[in-house]
C-alpha atoms as a PDB file:
ATOM      1  CA  MET A   1      -3.378 165.860 164.897  1.00  0.00           C
ATOM      2  CA  ILE A   2      -2.675 162.169 164.769  1.00  0.00           C
ATOM      3  CA  ILE A   3      -3.654 160.420 168.002  1.00  0.00           C
ATOM      4  CA  LYS A   4      -4.057 156.856 169.202  1.00  0.00           C
ATOM      5  CA  CYS A   5      -7.624 155.600 169.132  1.00  0.00           C
ATOM      6  CA  PRO A   6      -8.723 154.995 172.767  1.00  0.00           C
ATOM      7  CA  GLU A   7     -10.792 152.026 171.600  1.00  0.00           C
ATOM      8  CA  CYS A   8      -8.438 149.948 169.391  1.00  0.00           C
ATOM      9  CA  GLY A   9      -5.087 151.719 169.738  1.00  0.00           C
ATOM     10  CA  HIS A  10      -4.605 152.409 166.008  1.00  0.00           C
ATOM     11  CA  GLN A  11      -3.437 155.852 164.845  1.00  0.00           C
ATOM     12  CA  VAL A  12      -6.209 158.190 163.657  1.00  0.00           C
ATOM     13  CA  SER A  13      -6.709 161.937 163.128  1.00  0.00           C
ATOM     14  CA  ASP A  14      -8.506 163.716 165.984  1.00  0.00           C
ATOM     15  CA  ARG A  15     -10.708 165.337 163.323  1.00  0.00           C
ATOM     16  CA  ALA A  16     -11.803 162.058 161.786  1.00  0.00           C
ATOM     17  CA  LYS A  17     -15.482 161.366 162.127  1.00  0.00           C
ATOM     18  CA  ILE A  18     -14.884 157.707 162.994  1.00  0.00           C
ATOM     19  CA  CYS A  19     -11.859 155.448 163.495  1.00  0.00           C
ATOM     20  CA  PRO A  20     -11.130 153.615 160.180  1.00  0.00           C
ATOM     21  CA  SER A  21     -10.046 150.555 162.159  1.00  0.00           C
ATOM     22  CA  CYS A  22     -12.781 149.959 164.744  1.00  0.00           C
ATOM     23  CA  GLY A  23     -15.481 152.408 163.540  1.00  0.00           C
ATOM     24  CA  ILE A  24     -15.959 154.245 166.831  1.00  0.00           C
ATOM     25  CA  GLU A  25     -16.823 157.972 166.711  1.00  0.00           C
ATOM     26  CA  ILE A  26     -13.761 160.211 167.136  1.00  0.00           C
ATOM     27  CA  ALA A  27     -14.393 163.906 166.248  1.00  0.00           C
ATOM     28  CA  GLY A  28     -15.644 165.838 169.292  1.00  0.00           C
ATOM     29  CA  MET A  29     -15.584 162.715 171.494  1.00  0.00           C
ATOM     30  CA  ILE A  30     -11.898 162.718 172.524  1.00  0.00           C
ATOM     31  CA  THR A  31     -10.170 164.513 175.380  1.00  0.00           C
ATOM     32  CA  ARG A  32      -6.703 164.340 176.904  1.00  0.00           C
ATOM     33  CA  CYS A  33      -5.784 163.323 180.469  1.00  0.00           C
ATOM     34  CA  PRO A  34      -4.334 166.347 182.286  1.00  0.00           C
ATOM     35  CA  ASP A  35      -1.982 164.111 184.300  1.00  0.00           C
ATOM     36  CA  CYS A  36      -0.435 161.612 181.866  1.00  0.00           C
ATOM     37  CA  GLY A  37      -1.494 163.052 178.482  1.00  0.00           C
ATOM     38  CA  GLU A  38      -3.321 159.856 177.401  1.00  0.00           C
ATOM     39  CA  TYR A  39      -6.215 160.321 174.928  1.00  0.00           C
ATOM     40  CA  LEU A  40      -9.591 158.997 176.153  1.00  0.00           C
ATOM     41  CA  PHE A  41     -13.305 159.454 175.597  1.00  0.00           C
ATOM     42  CA  LYS A  42     -14.915 162.497 177.173  1.00  0.00           C
ATOM     43  CA  ASP A  43     -17.588 160.394 178.840  1.00  0.00           C
ATOM     44  CA  GLN A  44     -15.066 158.288 180.817  1.00  0.00           C
ATOM     45  CA  GLN A  45     -14.979 158.956 184.552  1.00  0.00           C
ATOM     46  CA  GLU A  46     -11.266 158.291 184.972  1.00  0.00           C
ATOM     47  CA  CYS A  47      -8.130 157.868 182.860  1.00  0.00           C
ATOM     48  CA  PRO A  48      -7.568 154.156 181.961  1.00  0.00           C
ATOM     49  CA  ASN A  49      -3.816 154.776 182.039  1.00  0.00           C
ATOM     50  CA  CYS A  50      -3.166 156.672 185.310  1.00  0.00           C
ATOM     51  CA  HIS A  51      -6.681 156.264 186.817  1.00  0.00           C
ATOM     52  CA  CYS A  52      -6.950 159.923 187.710  1.00  0.00           C
ATOM     53  CA  SER A  53     -10.503 161.312 187.964  1.00  0.00           C
ATOM     54  CA  ILE A  54     -11.674 163.156 184.866  1.00  0.00           C
ATOM     55  CA  ASN A  55     -15.368 164.000 185.561  1.00  0.00           C
ATOM     56  CA  ALA A  56     -15.432 163.503 189.322  1.00  0.00           C
ATOM     57  CA  SER A  57     -17.703 166.378 190.142  1.00  0.00           C
ATOM     58  CA  ALA A  58     -21.388 165.682 190.160  1.00  0.00           C
ATOM     59  CA  PRO A  59     -23.341 167.116 187.272  1.00  0.00           C
ATOM     60  CA  VAL A  60     -24.405 170.693 187.920  1.00  0.00           C
ATOM     61  CA  VAL A  61     -28.137 171.281 187.960  1.00  0.00           C
ATOM     62  CA  GLU A  62     -29.119 174.746 186.787  1.00  0.00           C
ATOM     63  CA  GLU A  63     -31.302 176.715 189.149  1.00  0.00           C
ATOM     64  CA  THR A  64     -34.632 177.854 187.802  1.00  0.00           C
ATOM     65  CA  VAL A  65     -35.662 181.415 188.555  1.00  0.00           C
ATOM     66  CA  PRO A  66     -39.394 181.602 189.319  1.00  0.00           C
ATOM     67  CA  VAL A  67     -41.327 183.755 186.971  1.00  0.00           C
ATOM     68  CA  ALA A  68     -43.434 186.469 188.560  1.00  0.00           C
ATOM     69  CA  SER A  69     -47.127 185.979 188.274  1.00  0.00           C
ATOM     70  CA  PRO A  70     -48.661 188.175 185.598  1.00  0.00           C
ATOM     71  CA  GLN A  71     -51.518 190.460 186.224  1.00  0.00           C
ATOM     72  CA  TYR A  72     -53.835 187.832 184.905  1.00  0.00           C
ATOM     73  CA  ASP A  73     -55.097 185.256 187.283  1.00  0.00           C
ATOM     74  CA  ILE A  74     -53.096 182.489 185.820  1.00  0.00           C
ATOM     75  CA  ALA A  75     -51.046 180.035 187.840  1.00  0.00           C
ATOM     76  CA  PRO A  76     -47.359 180.398 187.242  1.00  0.00           C
ATOM     77  CA  GLU A  77     -45.720 177.722 185.121  1.00  0.00           C
ATOM     78  CA  ILE A  78     -43.484 175.491 187.215  1.00  0.00           C
ATOM     79  CA  PRO A  79     -40.344 174.510 185.346  1.00  0.00           C
ATOM     80  CA  GLU A  80     -39.410 170.868 185.217  1.00  0.00           C
ATOM     81  CA  SER A  81     -36.433 169.783 187.254  1.00  0.00           C
ATOM     82  CA  PRO A  82     -33.500 168.913 185.019  1.00  0.00           C
ATOM     83  CA  GLN A  83     -32.622 165.183 184.988  1.00  0.00           C
ATOM     84  CA  PRO A  84     -29.068 164.359 186.040  1.00  0.00           C
ATOM     85  CA  ALA A  85     -26.947 163.057 183.202  1.00  0.00           C
ATOM     86  CA  THR A  86     -26.544 159.299 183.261  1.00  0.00           C
ATOM     87  CA  PRO A  87     -22.831 158.425 183.095  1.00  0.00           C
ATOM     88  CA  LYS A  88     -21.986 156.117 180.270  1.00  0.00           C
ATOM     89  CA  LYS A  89     -20.296 152.840 180.920  1.00  0.00           C
ATOM     90  CA  GLU A  90     -16.540 152.835 180.582  1.00  0.00           C
ATOM     91  CA  LYS A  91     -15.276 151.422 177.329  1.00  0.00           C
ATOM     92  CA  LYS A  92     -13.891 147.900 177.612  1.00  0.00           C
ATOM     93  CA  GLY A  93     -12.216 147.761 174.199  1.00  0.00           C
ATOM     94  CA  GLY A  94      -8.746 148.504 175.633  1.00  0.00           C
ATOM     95  CA  HIS A  95      -8.839 145.379 177.796  1.00  0.00           C
ATOM     96  CA  LYS A  96      -9.844 143.263 174.799  1.00  0.00           C
ATOM     97  CA  VAL A  97      -6.920 144.597 172.776  1.00  0.00           C
ATOM     98  CA  LEU A  98      -4.553 143.893 175.683  1.00  0.00           C
ATOM     99  CA  TRP A  99      -5.720 140.305 176.058  1.00  0.00           C
ATOM    100  CA  SER A 100      -5.588 139.780 172.301  1.00  0.00           C
ATOM    101  CA  SER A 101      -1.974 141.009 172.283  1.00  0.00           C
ATOM    102  CA  ILE A 102      -1.078 138.671 175.162  1.00  0.00           C
ATOM    103  CA  ILE A 103      -2.636 135.679 173.404  1.00  0.00           C
ATOM    104  CA  VAL A 104      -0.938 136.486 170.090  1.00  0.00           C
ATOM    105  CA  GLY A 105       2.420 136.885 171.863  1.00  0.00           C
ATOM    106  CA  PHE A 106       1.946 133.553 173.664  1.00  0.00           C
ATOM    107  CA  VAL A 107       1.109 131.765 170.395  1.00  0.00           C
ATOM    108  CA  ILE A 108       4.156 133.294 168.673  1.00  0.00           C
ATOM    109  CA  ALA A 109       6.361 132.200 171.602  1.00  0.00           C
ATOM    110  CA  LEU A 110       5.035 128.631 171.326  1.00  0.00           C
ATOM    111  CA  ILE A 111       5.700 128.606 167.586  1.00  0.00           C
ATOM    112  CA  ILE A 112       9.270 129.812 168.162  1.00  0.00           C
ATOM    113  CA  VAL A 113       9.845 127.128 170.824  1.00  0.00           C
ATOM    114  CA  PHE A 114       8.487 124.337 168.614  1.00  0.00           C
ATOM    115  CA  LEU A 115      10.515 125.545 165.633  1.00  0.00           C
ATOM    116  CA  GLY A 116      13.651 125.632 167.804  1.00  0.00           C
ATOM    117  CA  ILE A 117      13.034 122.068 168.996  1.00  0.00           C
ATOM    118  CA  TYR A 118      12.373 120.910 165.426  1.00  0.00           C
ATOM    119  CA  PHE A 119      15.544 122.432 163.975  1.00  0.00           C
ATOM    120  CA  TYR A 120      17.621 121.192 166.945  1.00  0.00           C
ATOM    121  CA  GLN A 121      16.391 117.627 166.462  1.00  0.00           C
ATOM    122  CA  LYS A 122      16.941 117.862 162.694  1.00  0.00           C
ATOM    123  CA  THR A 123      20.507 119.100 163.236  1.00  0.00           C
ATOM    124  CA  GLN A 124      21.186 116.267 165.691  1.00  0.00           C
ATOM    125  CA  GLU A 125      19.880 113.709 163.200  1.00  0.00           C
ATOM    126  CA  GLU A 126      22.077 115.136 160.431  1.00  0.00           C
ATOM    127  CA  ASN A 127      25.142 115.091 162.707  1.00  0.00           C
ATOM    128  CA  GLU A 128      24.434 111.499 163.713  1.00  0.00           C
ATOM    129  CA  GLN A 129      24.064 110.439 160.061  1.00  0.00           C
ATOM    130  CA  ARG A 130      27.412 112.021 159.094  1.00  0.00           C
ATOM    131  CA  ALA A 131      29.159 110.480 162.115  1.00  0.00           C
ATOM    132  CA  TYR A 132      27.688 107.065 161.238  1.00  0.00           C
ATOM    133  CA  GLU A 133      28.895 107.262 157.624  1.00  0.00           C
ATOM    134  CA  ASN A 134      32.393 108.340 158.707  1.00  0.00           C
ATOM    135  CA  ALA A 135      32.590 105.556 161.292  1.00  0.00           C
ATOM    136  CA  MET A 136      31.543 102.899 158.767  1.00  0.00           C
ATOM    137  CA  MET A 137      34.272 104.059 156.355  1.00  0.00           C
ATOM    138  CA  SER A 138      36.951 104.120 159.067  1.00  0.00           C
ATOM    139  CA  THR A 139      39.419 101.311 159.720  1.00  0.00           C
ATOM    140  CA  GLU A 140      40.066 102.489 163.290  1.00  0.00           C
ATOM    141  CA  PRO A 141      38.148 100.647 166.045  1.00  0.00           C
ATOM    142  CA  ALA A 142      38.507 103.750 168.228  1.00  0.00           C
ATOM    143  CA  VAL A 143      36.372 105.744 165.761  1.00  0.00           C
ATOM    144  CA  LEU A 144      33.608 103.127 165.951  1.00  0.00           C
ATOM    145  CA  GLN A 145      33.704 103.066 169.748  1.00  0.00           C
ATOM    146  CA  ASN A 146      33.601 106.869 169.836  1.00  0.00           C
ATOM    147  CA  PHE A 147      30.359 106.822 167.802  1.00  0.00           C
ATOM    148  CA  LEU A 148      28.759 104.409 170.279  1.00  0.00           C
ATOM    149  CA  ASP A 149      29.832 106.606 173.209  1.00  0.00           C
ATOM    150  CA  MET A 150      28.632 109.890 171.677  1.00  0.00           C
ATOM    151  CA  TYR A 151      25.337 108.689 170.137  1.00  0.00           C
ATOM    152  CA  ALA A 152      23.806 106.435 172.752  1.00  0.00           C
ATOM    153  CA  ASP A 153      20.329 107.336 171.426  1.00  0.00           C
ATOM    154  CA  ALA A 154      21.207 106.802 167.742  1.00  0.00           C
ATOM    155  CA  LYS A 155      19.026 104.705 165.456  1.00  0.00           C
ATOM    156  CA  LYS A 156      19.060 101.026 166.414  1.00  0.00           C
ATOM    157  CA  ALA A 157      20.048 100.021 162.872  1.00  0.00           C
ATOM    158  CA  HIS A 158      23.047 102.372 163.011  1.00  0.00           C
ATOM    159  CA  ARG A 159      24.196 101.144 166.420  1.00  0.00           C
ATOM    160  CA  ASP A 160      23.804  97.495 165.372  1.00  0.00           C
ATOM    161  CA  SER A 161      25.886  98.095 162.229  1.00  0.00           C
ATOM    162  CA  ILE A 162      28.612  99.863 164.189  1.00  0.00           C
ATOM    163  CA  ILE A 163      28.710  97.111 166.819  1.00  0.00           C
ATOM    164  CA  ALA A 164      28.974  94.412 164.128  1.00  0.00           C
ATOM    165  CA  HIS A 165      31.718  96.398 162.384  1.00  0.00           C
ATOM    166  CA  LEU A 166      33.573  96.790 165.669  1.00  0.00           C
ATOM    167  CA  GLU A 167      33.337  93.041 166.384  1.00  0.00           C
ATOM    168  CA  ALA A 168      34.811  92.331 162.949  1.00  0.00           C
ATOM    169  CA  PHE A 169      37.773  94.586 163.762  1.00  0.00           C
ATOM    170  CA  LYS A 170      38.251  92.829 167.090  1.00  0.00           C
ATOM    171  CA  LYS A 171      38.310  89.460 165.325  1.00  0.00           C
ATOM    172  CA  ILE A 172      40.953  90.771 162.898  1.00  0.00           C
ATOM    173  CA  ASP A 173      43.038  91.933 165.858  1.00  0.00           C
ATOM    174  CA  ARG A 174      42.794  88.465 167.413  1.00  0.00           C
ATOM    175  CA  ASP A 175      43.831  86.863 164.109  1.00  0.00           C
ATOM    176  CA  TRP A 176      46.800  89.205 163.935  1.00  0.00           C
ATOM    177  CA  GLU A 177      47.930  88.389 167.462  1.00  0.00           C
ATOM    178  CA  ASN A 178      47.679  84.663 166.711  1.00  0.00           C
ATOM    179  CA  ALA A 179      49.651  85.031 163.457  1.00  0.00           C
ATOM    180  CA  VAL A 180      52.449  86.946 165.179  1.00  0.00           C
ATOM    181  CA  ALA A 181      52.586  84.477 168.056  1.00  0.00           C
ATOM    182  CA  SER A 182      52.865  81.543 165.624  1.00  0.00           C
ATOM    183  CA  LYS A 183      56.045  82.989 163.977  1.00  0.00           C
ATOM    184  CA  SER A 184      54.896  81.217 160.845  1.00  0.00           C
ATOM    185  CA  LYS A 185      55.294  82.717 157.384  1.00  0.00           C
ATOM    186  CA  ALA A 186      52.250  80.799 156.190  1.00  0.00           C
ATOM    187  CA  ALA A 187      50.043  82.213 158.988  1.00  0.00           C
ATOM    188  CA  LEU A 188      51.260  85.750 158.339  1.00  0.00           C
ATOM    189  CA  GLN A 189      50.735  85.446 154.587  1.00  0.00           C
ATOM    190  CA  LEU A 190      47.209  84.093 155.211  1.00  0.00           C
ATOM    191  CA  PHE A 191      46.469  87.176 157.377  1.00  0.00           C
ATOM    192  CA  ILE A 192      47.720  89.452 154.572  1.00  0.00           C
ATOM    193  CA  ASP A 193      45.584  87.682 151.960  1.00  0.00           C
ATOM    194  CA  ARG A 194      42.435  87.818 154.102  1.00  0.00           C
ATOM    195  CA  ASN A 195      42.795  91.432 155.260  1.00  0.00           C
ATOM    196  CA  PRO A 196      43.917  93.677 152.390  1.00  0.00           C
ATOM    197  CA  GLY A 197      44.405  97.240 153.534  1.00  0.00           C
ATOM    198  CA  ASN A 198      44.708  96.346 157.210  1.00  0.00           C
ATOM    199  CA  ILE A 199      46.946  98.575 159.325  1.00  0.00           C
ATOM    200  CA  HIS A 200      49.036  95.553 160.381  1.00  0.00           C
ATOM    201  CA  LEU A 201      50.053  94.597 156.823  1.00  0.00           C
ATOM    202  CA  PRO A 202      53.354  96.562 156.783  1.00  0.00           C
ATOM    203  CA  GLU A 203      54.392  94.927 160.041  1.00  0.00           C
ATOM    204  CA  ALA A 204      53.370  91.502 158.733  1.00  0.00           C
ATOM    205  CA  ARG A 205      55.555  91.980 155.630  1.00  0.00           C
ATOM    206  CA  LEU A 206      58.508  93.035 157.782  1.00  0.00           C
ATOM    207  CA  ILE A 207      58.168  89.888 159.882  1.00  0.00           C
ATOM    208  CA  ILE A 208      58.007  87.717 156.739  1.00  0.00           C
ATOM    209  CA  ASP A 209      61.076  89.530 155.402  1.00  0.00           C
ATOM    210  CA  SER A 210      62.963  88.691 158.593  1.00  0.00           C
ATOM    211  CA  LEU A 211      61.820  85.055 158.575  1.00  0.00           C
ATOM    212  CA  ASP A 212      62.921  84.558 154.955  1.00  0.00           C
ATOM    213  CA  PHE A 213      66.355  86.054 155.611  1.00  0.00           C
ATOM    214  CA  ASP A 214      66.835  83.876 158.696  1.00  0.00           C
ATOM    215  CA  ALA A 215      66.005  80.829 156.561  1.00  0.00           C
ATOM    216  CA  ALA A 216      68.515  81.957 153.913  1.00  0.00           C
ATOM    217  CA  LYS A 217      71.255  82.419 156.512  1.00  0.00           C
ATOM    218  CA  LEU A 218      70.490  79.056 158.046  1.00  0.00           C
ATOM    219  CA  GLU A 219      71.001  77.368 154.650  1.00  0.00           C
ATOM    220  CA  ASP A 220      73.871  79.757 153.779  1.00  0.00           C
ATOM    221  CA  THR A 221      74.050  78.985 150.087  1.00  0.00           C
ATOM    222  CA  MET A 222      74.159  81.129 147.000  1.00  0.00           C
ATOM    223  CA  GLU A 223      70.832  79.672 145.978  1.00  0.00           C
ATOM    224  CA  SER A 224      69.157  80.558 149.324  1.00  0.00           C
ATOM    225  CA  TYR A 225      70.434  84.150 149.239  1.00  0.00           C
ATOM    226  CA  GLN A 226      69.415  84.527 145.604  1.00  0.00           C
ATOM    227  CA  LYS A 227      65.943  83.267 146.468  1.00  0.00           C
ATOM    228  CA  TYR A 228      65.679  85.832 149.263  1.00  0.00           C
ATOM    229  CA  MET A 229      66.803  88.677 146.963  1.00  0.00           C
ATOM    230  CA  ASP A 230      64.316  87.659 144.285  1.00  0.00           C
ATOM    231  CA  SER A 231      61.441  87.670 146.789  1.00  0.00           C
ATOM    232  CA  HIS A 232      62.448  90.817 148.677  1.00  0.00           C
ATOM    233  CA  GLN A 233      63.993  93.285 146.289  1.00  0.00           C
ATOM    234  CA  GLN A 234      63.150  96.097 148.716  1.00  0.00           C
ATOM    235  CA  GLY A 235      63.778  93.988 151.824  1.00  0.00           C
ATOM    236  CA  ASN A 236      65.591  95.222 154.903  1.00  0.00           C
ATOM    237  CA  TYR A 237      68.272  92.514 154.465  1.00  0.00           C
ATOM    238  CA  TYR A 238      68.798  92.774 150.718  1.00  0.00           C
ATOM    239  CA  ASP A 239      72.295  94.271 150.976  1.00  0.00           C
ATOM    240  CA  GLU A 240      73.321  91.761 153.603  1.00  0.00           C
ATOM    241  CA  ALA A 241      72.068  88.905 151.442  1.00  0.00           C
ATOM    242  CA  ALA A 242      73.907  90.327 148.398  1.00  0.00           C
ATOM    243  CA  ASN A 243      77.164  90.513 150.376  1.00  0.00           C
ATOM    244  CA  ALA A 244      76.733  86.936 151.555  1.00  0.00           C
ATOM    245  CA  TYR A 245      75.994  85.862 147.972  1.00  0.00           C
ATOM    246  CA  ASP A 246      79.169  87.594 146.710  1.00  0.00           C
ATOM    247  CA  ARG A 247      81.226  86.021 149.509  1.00  0.00           C
ATOM    248  CA  LEU A 248      80.032  82.550 148.643  1.00  0.00           C
ATOM    249  CA  LYS A 249      80.628  83.209 144.945  1.00  0.00           C
ATOM    250  CA  GLU A 250      84.212  84.332 145.584  1.00  0.00           C
ATOM    251  CA  GLU A 251      84.800  81.287 147.759  1.00  0.00           C
ATOM    252  CA  ALA A 252      83.435  79.047 145.019  1.00  0.00           C
ATOM    253  CA  GLU A 253      85.653  80.792 142.439  1.00  0.00           C
ATOM    254  CA  ALA A 254      88.689  80.393 144.677  1.00  0.00           C
ATOM    255  CA  ARG A 255      87.955  76.690 145.085  1.00  0.00           C
ATOM    256  CA  ARG A 256      87.570  76.359 141.324  1.00  0.00           C
ATOM    257  CA  ARG A 257      90.937  78.073 140.677  1.00  0.00           C
ATOM    258  CA  GLN A 258      92.596  75.952 143.341  1.00  0.00           C
ATOM    259  CA  ALA A 259      91.203  72.814 141.773  1.00  0.00           C
ATOM    260  CA  GLU A 260      92.542  73.863 138.357  1.00  0.00           C
ATOM    261  CA  GLN A 261      95.985  74.514 139.804  1.00  0.00           C
ATOM    262  CA  ASP A 262      95.936  71.160 141.598  1.00  0.00           C
ATOM    263  CA  SER A 263      94.931  69.500 138.334  1.00  0.00           C
ATOM    264  CA  ILE A 264      97.834  71.166 136.432  1.00  0.00           C
ATOM    265  CA  LEU A 265     100.407  70.185 139.094  1.00  0.00           C
ATOM    266  CA  LYS A 266      99.161  66.658 139.089  1.00  0.00           C
ATOM    267  CA  ALA A 267      99.443  66.466 135.315  1.00  0.00           C
ATOM    268  CA  GLN A 268     102.961  67.824 135.442  1.00  0.00           C
ATOM    269  CA  GLU A 269     103.967  65.297 138.093  1.00  0.00           C
ATOM    270  CA  GLU A 270     102.574  62.487 136.029  1.00  0.00           C
ATOM    271  CA  ALA A 271     104.497  63.714 132.972  1.00  0.00           C
ATOM    272  CA  VAL A 272     107.728  63.801 134.943  1.00  0.00           C
ATOM    273  CA  LEU A 273     107.157  60.263 136.192  1.00  0.00           C
ATOM    274  CA  GLU A 274     106.479  59.001 132.698  1.00  0.00           C
ATOM    275  CA  SER A 275     109.640  60.615 131.312  1.00  0.00           C
ATOM    276  CA  SER A 276     111.796  59.187 134.101  1.00  0.00           C
ATOM    277  CA  VAL A 277     110.488  55.700 133.433  1.00  0.00           C
ATOM    278  CA  GLU A 278     111.410  55.922 129.851  1.00  0.00           C
END
């Protein structure tokens, strides 16, 4: 039968001479607790599992029957008193195995904790690196500010770069506000040239489009409208400028035709006057 070695806890046959793990003698040395069924050494006084008494009764001393004296005058032989069996000390191997298991479990728990902390910190560092790279590629100041709010303990070099990048965006915003407030085409064009790809560029071009059309209307000539149409072929006021150009062209053509008619009438009048004089 396969049992658990009372000394080391490894499985062993109850007929094995010794335990192959710890080397303690097994065959003929093992008994079973009548209360809990735990296997233990026969010389133990109590079960290490349930602590019930195994060999509680005192060792029995056999009585010696005196031998009758023979017919010869010889003193009878007095038998020696049997010596009580000395109980062996209880095995302590089970406690050693228990403490070894506790220590091993504690060490494994520490390793798991340290590994968890290591992988958590590594994951946080990787997340911070990705967030930093995304923020540096973004053109939105809100993304940069969000990085500073979420990663207060980020690397100093990363935070310094983000702060400098954010300050640059703030300066661009101030330049934009100043350009709009100036209502100057030159200031707006300078903002466009200095900040390619900025989110305000479409709005800046719309404002320039409006300023150029206002200037064309103020001059109100075919040349001014043509200049606007050449500069803003996709402008918001292109059709309006084309209509104004056509209007002025028709007016100029009408004036030209009127001048020709006036010139013909005048020539006819002069011819009549000359013929009457003759």
